[in-house]
N, C-alpha and C. Protein backbone atom coordinates (compact mmCIF):
# COMPACT_ATOMS: atom_id res chain seq x y z
N MET A 1 2.69 2.13 -13.87
CA MET A 1 2.00 1.59 -15.00
C MET A 1 0.54 1.16 -14.57
N GLY A 2 1.04 0.87 -13.18
CA GLY A 2 0.17 -0.05 -12.59
C GLY A 2 0.07 -1.65 -13.12
N LYS A 3 -1.34 -2.09 -13.37
CA LYS A 3 -1.16 -3.45 -13.88
C LYS A 3 -1.06 -3.74 -15.21
N ASP A 4 -1.19 -3.00 -16.32
CA ASP A 4 -0.87 -2.97 -17.60
C ASP A 4 0.66 -2.79 -17.87
N TRP A 5 1.21 -3.81 -17.91
CA TRP A 5 2.65 -3.85 -18.22
C TRP A 5 3.17 -3.95 -19.85
N SER A 6 1.68 -4.05 -21.01
CA SER A 6 1.94 -4.01 -22.09
C SER A 6 2.69 -3.20 -23.16
N ASN A 7 2.74 -1.96 -22.39
CA ASN A 7 3.94 -0.95 -23.00
C ASN A 7 5.09 -0.62 -22.96
N ILE A 8 5.36 -1.19 -21.70
CA ILE A 8 6.92 -1.35 -21.11
C ILE A 8 7.96 -1.53 -22.30
N GLU A 9 7.69 -2.41 -23.58
CA GLU A 9 8.58 -2.67 -24.37
C GLU A 9 8.70 -0.93 -25.36
N TYR A 10 7.82 -0.40 -25.58
CA TYR A 10 7.83 0.96 -26.05
C TYR A 10 8.75 2.21 -25.09
N PHE A 11 8.41 1.64 -24.12
CA PHE A 11 9.72 2.92 -23.19
C PHE A 11 10.82 2.36 -22.88
N PHE A 12 11.05 0.85 -23.23
CA PHE A 12 12.29 0.92 -23.16
C PHE A 12 13.38 1.32 -24.58
N ASN A 13 12.29 1.15 -25.57
CA ASN A 13 12.90 1.47 -27.06
C ASN A 13 12.95 2.96 -27.15
N LEU A 14 12.16 3.87 -26.38
CA LEU A 14 12.36 5.08 -26.11
C LEU A 14 13.64 5.74 -25.95
N TYR A 15 13.76 5.18 -24.57
CA TYR A 15 14.92 5.49 -23.83
C TYR A 15 16.26 4.49 -23.93
N GLU A 16 16.18 3.89 -24.69
CA GLU A 16 17.46 2.86 -25.67
C GLU A 16 17.69 2.09 -24.13
N ILE A 17 17.12 1.34 -23.72
CA ILE A 17 17.45 0.67 -22.53
C ILE A 17 18.32 -0.30 -22.70
N GLU A 18 19.73 -0.79 -22.37
CA GLU A 18 20.54 -1.81 -22.74
C GLU A 18 20.26 -3.12 -21.99
N GLU A 19 19.48 -3.48 -20.91
CA GLU A 19 19.48 -4.37 -20.35
C GLU A 19 17.84 -4.83 -19.73
N PRO A 20 16.86 -4.77 -20.57
CA PRO A 20 15.61 -4.58 -20.34
C PRO A 20 14.76 -5.53 -19.27
N LYS A 21 15.66 -6.67 -19.31
CA LYS A 21 15.33 -7.58 -18.36
C LYS A 21 15.64 -7.17 -16.73
N VAL A 22 16.46 -6.86 -16.81
CA VAL A 22 17.08 -6.22 -15.45
C VAL A 22 16.13 -4.98 -14.71
N ILE A 23 16.18 -4.27 -15.91
CA ILE A 23 15.14 -2.88 -15.50
C ILE A 23 13.63 -3.62 -14.93
N LEU A 24 13.20 -4.25 -16.02
CA LEU A 24 11.82 -4.96 -15.87
C LEU A 24 11.78 -5.68 -14.22
N TYR A 25 12.85 -6.80 -13.83
CA TYR A 25 12.97 -7.06 -12.44
C TYR A 25 12.91 -5.97 -11.55
N ILE A 26 13.74 -5.03 -11.32
CA ILE A 26 13.54 -4.21 -10.44
C ILE A 26 12.50 -2.89 -10.63
N MET A 27 12.03 -2.64 -11.65
CA MET A 27 10.59 -2.06 -11.47
C MET A 27 9.19 -3.04 -10.87
N LYS A 28 9.25 -4.53 -11.22
CA LYS A 28 8.27 -5.51 -10.78
C LYS A 28 8.58 -5.48 -8.94
N MET A 29 10.00 -5.54 -8.36
CA MET A 29 10.60 -5.59 -7.21
C MET A 29 9.69 -4.24 -6.36
N TYR A 30 10.52 -3.21 -7.18
CA TYR A 30 9.64 -1.85 -6.72
C TYR A 30 7.99 -1.93 -6.16
N GLU A 31 7.55 -2.40 -7.83
CA GLU A 31 6.15 -2.52 -7.52
C GLU A 31 5.70 -2.88 -6.48
N TYR A 32 6.17 -4.38 -6.19
CA TYR A 32 5.99 -5.41 -5.30
C TYR A 32 6.13 -4.65 -3.26
N VAL A 33 7.32 -4.06 -3.42
CA VAL A 33 7.46 -3.49 -2.23
C VAL A 33 6.41 -2.20 -1.78
N VAL A 34 5.90 -1.54 -2.97
CA VAL A 34 4.85 -0.36 -2.84
C VAL A 34 3.36 -0.91 -2.11
N VAL A 35 3.03 -2.06 -2.93
CA VAL A 35 1.95 -2.63 -2.72
C VAL A 35 1.99 -3.31 -1.69
N SER A 36 2.80 -4.08 -1.22
CA SER A 36 3.10 -4.46 -0.01
C SER A 36 2.81 -3.37 1.04
N ASP A 37 3.67 -2.29 1.11
CA ASP A 37 3.62 -1.28 2.22
C ASP A 37 2.19 -0.58 2.31
N ARG A 38 1.28 -0.55 0.77
CA ARG A 38 0.40 0.05 1.20
C ARG A 38 -1.25 -0.98 1.75
N GLN A 39 -0.71 -2.32 1.58
CA GLN A 39 -1.16 -3.09 2.46
C GLN A 39 -1.28 -3.24 3.76
N GLU A 40 -0.05 -2.87 4.61
CA GLU A 40 0.13 -2.76 5.30
C GLU A 40 -0.39 -1.94 6.19
N GLU A 41 -0.34 -0.62 5.47
CA GLU A 41 -0.89 0.34 6.17
C GLU A 41 -2.24 0.36 5.88
N SER A 42 -2.87 0.13 4.93
CA SER A 42 -4.50 -0.66 5.27
C SER A 42 -4.91 -1.44 6.03
N GLU A 43 -4.62 -2.34 6.50
CA GLU A 43 -4.78 -3.02 7.67
C GLU A 43 -4.18 -2.79 8.75
N ARG A 44 -2.98 -1.65 9.19
CA ARG A 44 -3.10 -1.01 10.11
C ARG A 44 -4.58 0.12 10.29
N LYS A 45 -4.97 0.57 9.55
CA LYS A 45 -5.99 1.45 9.52
C LYS A 45 -7.15 0.81 9.95
N ARG A 46 -7.39 -0.19 9.11
CA ARG A 46 -8.53 -1.04 9.69
C ARG A 46 -8.58 -1.65 10.97
N LYS A 47 -7.26 -2.01 11.41
CA LYS A 47 -7.48 -2.49 12.99
C LYS A 47 -7.64 -1.14 13.59
N ALA A 48 -7.18 -0.11 13.68
CA ALA A 48 -7.04 0.94 14.39
C ALA A 48 -8.78 1.07 14.20
N GLU A 49 -9.49 1.23 13.04
CA GLU A 49 -10.94 1.62 13.08
C GLU A 49 -11.50 0.27 13.93
N GLU A 50 -11.32 -0.67 14.16
CA GLU A 50 -11.98 -1.98 14.58
C GLU A 50 -11.95 -1.34 15.99
N ARG A 51 -10.78 -1.37 16.81
CA ARG A 51 -10.42 -0.97 17.86
C ARG A 51 -11.07 0.15 18.75
N LYS A 52 -11.42 0.98 17.46
CA LYS A 52 -12.04 2.64 18.04
C LYS A 52 -13.56 2.01 17.90
N SER A 53 -14.23 1.40 17.08
CA SER A 53 -15.66 1.40 17.18
C SER A 53 -15.86 -0.01 18.02
N ALA A 54 -15.11 -0.53 18.41
CA ALA A 54 -15.31 -1.45 19.71
C ALA A 54 -15.61 -0.79 21.01
N GLY A 55 -14.42 0.09 21.01
CA GLY A 55 -14.74 0.39 22.64
C GLY A 55 -15.77 2.18 22.66
N GLY A 56 -16.38 2.21 21.31
CA GLY A 56 -17.24 3.47 21.36
C GLY A 56 -18.44 3.27 21.89
N GLY A 57 -19.06 2.16 22.35
CA GLY A 57 -20.42 1.75 23.32
C GLY A 57 -20.24 2.00 24.57
N LYS A 58 -19.40 2.04 25.15
CA LYS A 58 -18.73 2.29 26.59
C LYS A 58 -19.29 3.59 27.31
N ASN A 59 -20.03 3.62 28.30
CA ASN A 59 -20.20 5.09 28.88
C ASN A 59 -19.53 4.91 30.06
N PHE A 60 -18.97 5.52 30.95
CA PHE A 60 -18.20 5.49 32.18
C PHE A 60 -18.79 6.72 32.92
N THR A 61 -19.10 6.33 34.33
CA THR A 61 -19.49 7.29 34.88
C THR A 61 -18.31 7.71 36.22
N HIS A 62 -17.43 6.96 36.11
CA HIS A 62 -16.55 7.36 37.65
C HIS A 62 -16.01 8.97 37.40
N ASN A 63 -15.99 9.35 38.56
CA ASN A 63 -15.47 10.92 38.96
C ASN A 63 -16.55 11.99 38.18
N VAL A 64 -17.45 11.62 38.28
CA VAL A 64 -18.89 12.25 37.98
C VAL A 64 -19.13 12.66 39.50
N LYS A 65 -19.64 13.94 39.46
CA LYS A 65 -20.07 14.08 40.70
C LYS A 65 -21.36 15.24 40.65
N GLY A 66 -22.18 14.90 41.51
CA GLY A 66 -23.53 15.80 41.17
C GLY A 66 -24.66 15.19 41.95
């Protein structure tokens, strides 16, 4: 559902949910876990890219015969 939770009542009625507050709480907690995981993954990728680009300009000439 993303950020738009306005039609949640429709689904609760459609599936005849008896405890909508509890279900909504669980859904929000799950959303928080998913968003946090995606944020951490994005941060890991960003840091890896920074490390990769920081060392890219160095040219090593050791062990070169010629």
